[in-house]
Amino acid sequence: MNPVDEKKDGFLVRHPWLFVLLAFALLISAWTALITVAVKHSPQQVELNLK
């Protein structure tokens, strides 16, 4: 590659690992949202009388 081609490439093309970081960030946000909703709407606890 000559220097002219490197200037034409976009920032994300030169740093493809940023897509991986973005994917992990989206995954962590999705899990956080799911866990938050699950905790907020958890079922009522029922006591069992086992004899």
PDB file of N, CA and C in Angstrom:
ATOM      1  N   MET A   1       0.844  -1.189   0.000  1.00  0.00           N
ATOM      2  CA  MET A   1       0.000   0.000   0.000  1.00  0.00           C
ATOM      3  C   MET A   1       0.884   1.245   0.000  1.00  0.00           C
ATOM      4  N   ASN A   2       0.507   2.172  -0.798  1.00  0.00           N
ATOM      5  CA  ASN A   2       1.251   3.425  -0.744  1.00  0.00           C
ATOM      6  C   ASN A   2       0.532   4.390   0.203  1.00  0.00           C
ATOM      7  N   PRO A   3       1.187   5.443   0.637  1.00  0.00           N
ATOM      8  CA  PRO A   3       0.598   6.358   1.636  1.00  0.00           C
ATOM      9  C   PRO A   3      -0.713   6.989   1.204  1.00  0.00           C
ATOM     10  N   VAL A   4      -0.938   7.145  -0.090  1.00  0.00           N
ATOM     11  CA  VAL A   4      -2.186   7.756  -0.560  1.00  0.00           C
ATOM     12  C   VAL A   4      -3.368   6.841  -0.228  1.00  0.00           C
ATOM     13  N   ASP A   5      -3.205   5.512  -0.395  1.00  0.00           N
ATOM     14  CA  ASP A   5      -4.275   4.567  -0.095  1.00  0.00           C
ATOM     15  C   ASP A   5      -4.607   4.549   1.390  1.00  0.00           C
ATOM     16  N   GLU A   6      -3.596   4.688   2.249  1.00  0.00           N
ATOM     17  CA  GLU A   6      -3.832   4.668   3.689  1.00  0.00           C
ATOM     18  C   GLU A   6      -4.675   5.868   4.129  1.00  0.00           C
ATOM     19  N   LYS A   7      -4.522   6.993   3.496  1.00  0.00           N
ATOM     20  CA  LYS A   7      -5.293   8.180   3.858  1.00  0.00           C
ATOM     21  C   LYS A   7      -6.752   8.034   3.439  1.00  0.00           C
ATOM     22  N   LYS A   8      -7.023   7.277   2.381  1.00  0.00           N
ATOM     23  CA  LYS A   8      -8.389   7.092   1.908  1.00  0.00           C
ATOM     24  C   LYS A   8      -9.193   6.171   2.810  1.00  0.00           C
ATOM     25  N   ASP A   9      -8.503   5.223   3.468  1.00  0.00           N
ATOM     26  CA  ASP A   9      -9.198   4.280   4.345  1.00  0.00           C
ATOM     27  C   ASP A   9      -9.805   5.025   5.519  1.00  0.00           C
ATOM     28  N   GLY A  10     -11.005   4.571   5.915  1.00  0.00           N
ATOM     29  CA  GLY A  10     -11.656   5.181   7.061  1.00  0.00           C
ATOM     30  C   GLY A  10     -11.030   4.716   8.360  1.00  0.00           C
ATOM     31  N   PHE A  11     -11.414   5.391   9.426  1.00  0.00           N
ATOM     32  CA  PHE A  11     -10.870   5.064  10.747  1.00  0.00           C
ATOM     33  C   PHE A  11     -11.224   3.640  11.141  1.00  0.00           C
ATOM     34  N   LEU A  12     -12.476   3.229  10.910  1.00  0.00           N
ATOM     35  CA  LEU A  12     -12.902   1.880  11.295  1.00  0.00           C
ATOM     36  C   LEU A  12     -12.277   0.799  10.416  1.00  0.00           C
ATOM     37  N   VAL A  13     -11.928   1.139   9.202  1.00  0.00           N
ATOM     38  CA  VAL A  13     -11.267   0.168   8.323  1.00  0.00           C
ATOM     39  C   VAL A  13      -9.849  -0.088   8.817  1.00  0.00           C
ATOM     40  N   ARG A  14      -9.202   0.948   9.344  1.00  0.00           N
ATOM     41  CA  ARG A  14      -7.845   0.783   9.862  1.00  0.00           C
ATOM     42  C   ARG A  14      -7.827   0.120  11.234  1.00  0.00           C
ATOM     43  N   HIS A  15      -8.950   0.174  11.970  1.00  0.00           N
ATOM     44  CA  HIS A  15      -9.029  -0.401  13.317  1.00  0.00           C
ATOM     45  C   HIS A  15     -10.239  -1.324  13.419  1.00  0.00           C
ATOM     46  N   PRO A  16     -10.185  -2.484  12.785  1.00  0.00           N
ATOM     47  CA  PRO A  16     -11.354  -3.383  12.794  1.00  0.00           C
ATOM     48  C   PRO A  16     -11.669  -3.966  14.165  1.00  0.00           C
ATOM     49  N   TRP A  17     -10.721  -3.957  15.093  1.00  0.00           N
ATOM     50  CA  TRP A  17     -10.971  -4.481  16.437  1.00  0.00           C
ATOM     51  C   TRP A  17     -11.988  -3.635  17.186  1.00  0.00           C
ATOM     52  N   LEU A  18     -12.234  -2.407  16.729  1.00  0.00           N
ATOM     53  CA  LEU A  18     -13.259  -1.575  17.374  1.00  0.00           C
ATOM     54  C   LEU A  18     -14.646  -2.182  17.203  1.00  0.00           C
ATOM     55  N   PHE A  19     -14.868  -2.919  16.103  1.00  0.00           N
ATOM     56  CA  PHE A  19     -16.144  -3.616  15.922  1.00  0.00           C
ATOM     57  C   PHE A  19     -16.324  -4.687  16.998  1.00  0.00           C
ATOM     58  N   VAL A  20     -15.238  -5.345  17.363  1.00  0.00           N
ATOM     59  CA  VAL A  20     -15.295  -6.367  18.408  1.00  0.00           C
ATOM     60  C   VAL A  20     -15.638  -5.716  19.750  1.00  0.00           C
ATOM     61  N   LEU A  21     -15.004  -4.602  20.056  1.00  0.00           N
ATOM     62  CA  LEU A  21     -15.315  -3.884  21.300  1.00  0.00           C
ATOM     63  C   LEU A  21     -16.758  -3.403  21.309  1.00  0.00           C
ATOM     64  N   LEU A  22     -17.235  -2.928  20.178  1.00  0.00           N
ATOM     65  CA  LEU A  22     -18.629  -2.486  20.075  1.00  0.00           C
ATOM     66  C   LEU A  22     -19.578  -3.659  20.286  1.00  0.00           C
ATOM     67  N   ALA A  23     -19.257  -4.808  19.735  1.00  0.00           N
ATOM     68  CA  ALA A  23     -20.102  -5.991  19.909  1.00  0.00           C
ATOM     69  C   ALA A  23     -20.146  -6.411  21.376  1.00  0.00           C
ATOM     70  N   PHE A  24     -19.006  -6.406  22.068  1.00  0.00           N
ATOM     71  CA  PHE A  24     -18.987  -6.748  23.484  1.00  0.00           C
ATOM     72  C   PHE A  24     -19.770  -5.730  24.305  1.00  0.00           C
ATOM     73  N   ALA A  25     -19.655  -4.461  23.972  1.00  0.00           N
ATOM     74  CA  ALA A  25     -20.402  -3.427  24.697  1.00  0.00           C
ATOM     75  C   ALA A  25     -21.905  -3.629  24.522  1.00  0.00           C
ATOM     76  N   LEU A  26     -22.327  -3.953  23.306  1.00  0.00           N
ATOM     77  CA  LEU A  26     -23.747  -4.218  23.062  1.00  0.00           C
ATOM     78  C   LEU A  26     -24.211  -5.454  23.813  1.00  0.00           C
ATOM     79  N   LEU A  27     -23.379  -6.490  23.853  1.00  0.00           N
ATOM     80  CA  LEU A  27     -23.719  -7.713  24.559  1.00  0.00           C
ATOM     81  C   LEU A  27     -23.860  -7.466  26.063  1.00  0.00           C
ATOM     82  N   ILE A  28     -22.932  -6.732  26.631  1.00  0.00           N
ATOM     83  CA  ILE A  28     -22.988  -6.425  28.058  1.00  0.00           C
ATOM     84  C   ILE A  28     -24.204  -5.570  28.370  1.00  0.00           C
ATOM     85  N   SER A  29     -24.523  -4.595  27.506  1.00  0.00           N
ATOM     86  CA  SER A  29     -25.717  -3.766  27.741  1.00  0.00           C
ATOM     87  C   SER A  29     -26.993  -4.587  27.666  1.00  0.00           C
ATOM     88  N   ALA A  30     -27.053  -5.515  26.722  1.00  0.00           N
ATOM     89  CA  ALA A  30     -28.245  -6.356  26.597  1.00  0.00           C
ATOM     90  C   ALA A  30     -28.415  -7.238  27.826  1.00  0.00           C
ATOM     91  N   TRP A  31     -27.333  -7.853  28.292  1.00  0.00           N
ATOM     92  CA  TRP A  31     -27.411  -8.693  29.486  1.00  0.00           C
ATOM     93  C   TRP A  31     -27.804  -7.858  30.705  1.00  0.00           C
ATOM     94  N   THR A  32     -27.245  -6.664  30.831  1.00  0.00           N
ATOM     95  CA  THR A  32     -27.584  -5.795  31.959  1.00  0.00           C
ATOM     96  C   THR A  32     -29.063  -5.434  31.933  1.00  0.00           C
ATOM     97  N   ALA A  33     -29.577  -5.112  30.767  1.00  0.00           N
ATOM     98  CA  ALA A  33     -30.997  -4.773  30.648  1.00  0.00           C
ATOM     99  C   ALA A  33     -31.876  -5.969  30.994  1.00  0.00           C
ATOM    100  N   LEU A  34     -31.528  -7.150  30.491  1.00  0.00           N
ATOM    101  CA  LEU A  34     -32.321  -8.345  30.783  1.00  0.00           C
ATOM    102  C   LEU A  34     -32.313  -8.689  32.270  1.00  0.00           C
ATOM    103  N   ILE A  35     -31.159  -8.615  32.896  1.00  0.00           N
ATOM    104  CA  ILE A  35     -31.069  -8.932  34.328  1.00  0.00           C
ATOM    105  C   ILE A  35     -31.826  -7.897  35.152  1.00  0.00           C
ATOM    106  N   THR A  36     -31.735  -6.633  34.781  1.00  0.00           N
ATOM    107  CA  THR A  36     -32.448  -5.577  35.500  1.00  0.00           C
ATOM    108  C   THR A  36     -33.962  -5.795  35.419  1.00  0.00           C
ATOM    109  N   VAL A  37     -34.463  -6.100  34.242  1.00  0.00           N
ATOM    110  CA  VAL A  37     -35.902  -6.348  34.074  1.00  0.00           C
ATOM    111  C   VAL A  37     -36.319  -7.593  34.844  1.00  0.00           C
ATOM    112  N   ALA A  38     -35.493  -8.637  34.822  1.00  0.00           N
ATOM    113  CA  ALA A  38     -35.825  -9.871  35.529  1.00  0.00           C
ATOM    114  C   ALA A  38     -35.874  -9.651  37.043  1.00  0.00           C
ATOM    115  N   VAL A  39     -34.955  -8.876  37.572  1.00  0.00           N
ATOM    116  CA  VAL A  39     -34.948  -8.599  39.010  1.00  0.00           C
ATOM    117  C   VAL A  39     -36.131  -7.726  39.395  1.00  0.00           C
ATOM    118  N   LYS A  40     -36.443  -6.764  38.542  1.00  0.00           N
ATOM    119  CA  LYS A  40     -37.545  -5.841  38.829  1.00  0.00           C
ATOM    120  C   LYS A  40     -38.892  -6.561  38.816  1.00  0.00           C
ATOM    121  N   HIS A  41     -39.067  -7.537  37.959  1.00  0.00           N
ATOM    122  CA  HIS A  41     -40.335  -8.247  37.810  1.00  0.00           C
ATOM    123  C   HIS A  41     -40.231  -9.705  38.272  1.00  0.00           C
ATOM    124  N   SER A  42     -39.488  -9.916  39.333  1.00  0.00           N
ATOM    125  CA  SER A  42     -39.320 -11.286  39.825  1.00  0.00           C
ATOM    126  C   SER A  42     -40.615 -11.783  40.457  1.00  0.00           C
ATOM    127  N   PRO A  43     -40.847 -13.074  40.414  1.00  0.00           N
ATOM    128  CA  PRO A  43     -42.071 -13.621  41.001  1.00  0.00           C
ATOM    129  C   PRO A  43     -42.041 -13.520  42.533  1.00  0.00           C
ATOM    130  N   GLN A  44     -43.212 -13.531  43.107  1.00  0.00           N
ATOM    131  CA  GLN A  44     -43.324 -13.448  44.561  1.00  0.00           C
ATOM    132  C   GLN A  44     -42.797 -14.734  45.192  1.00  0.00           C
ATOM    133  N   GLN A  45     -42.084 -14.588  46.295  1.00  0.00           N
ATOM    134  CA  GLN A  45     -41.549 -15.766  46.979  1.00  0.00           C
ATOM    135  C   GLN A  45     -42.657 -16.444  47.769  1.00  0.00           C
ATOM    136  N   VAL A  46     -42.674 -17.751  47.680  1.00  0.00           N
ATOM    137  CA  VAL A  46     -43.690 -18.548  48.383  1.00  0.00           C
ATOM    138  C   VAL A  46     -42.985 -19.453  49.371  1.00  0.00           C
ATOM    139  N   GLU A  47     -43.450 -19.402  50.619  1.00  0.00           N
ATOM    140  CA  GLU A  47     -42.866 -20.255  51.646  1.00  0.00           C
ATOM    141  C   GLU A  47     -43.483 -21.643  51.563  1.00  0.00           C
ATOM    142  N   LEU A  48     -42.662 -22.664  51.651  1.00  0.00           N
ATOM    143  CA  LEU A  48     -43.143 -24.039  51.616  1.00  0.00           C
ATOM    144  C   LEU A  48     -43.057 -24.628  53.019  1.00  0.00           C
ATOM    145  N   ASN A  49     -44.111 -25.249  53.465  1.00  0.00           N
ATOM    146  CA  ASN A  49     -44.110 -25.932  54.763  1.00  0.00           C
ATOM    147  C   ASN A  49     -43.912 -27.418  54.522  1.00  0.00           C
ATOM    148  N   LEU A  50     -42.677 -27.825  54.585  1.00  0.00           N
ATOM    149  CA  LEU A  50     -42.352 -29.238  54.369  1.00  0.00           C
ATOM    150  C   LEU A  50     -42.269 -29.930  55.730  1.00  0.00           C
ATOM    151  N   LYS A  51     -43.024 -30.999  55.870  1.00  0.00           N
ATOM    152  CA  LYS A  51     -43.031 -31.713  57.161  1.00  0.00           C
ATOM    153  C   LYS A  51     -42.465 -33.090  56.997  1.00  0.00           C
TER     154      LYS A  51
END
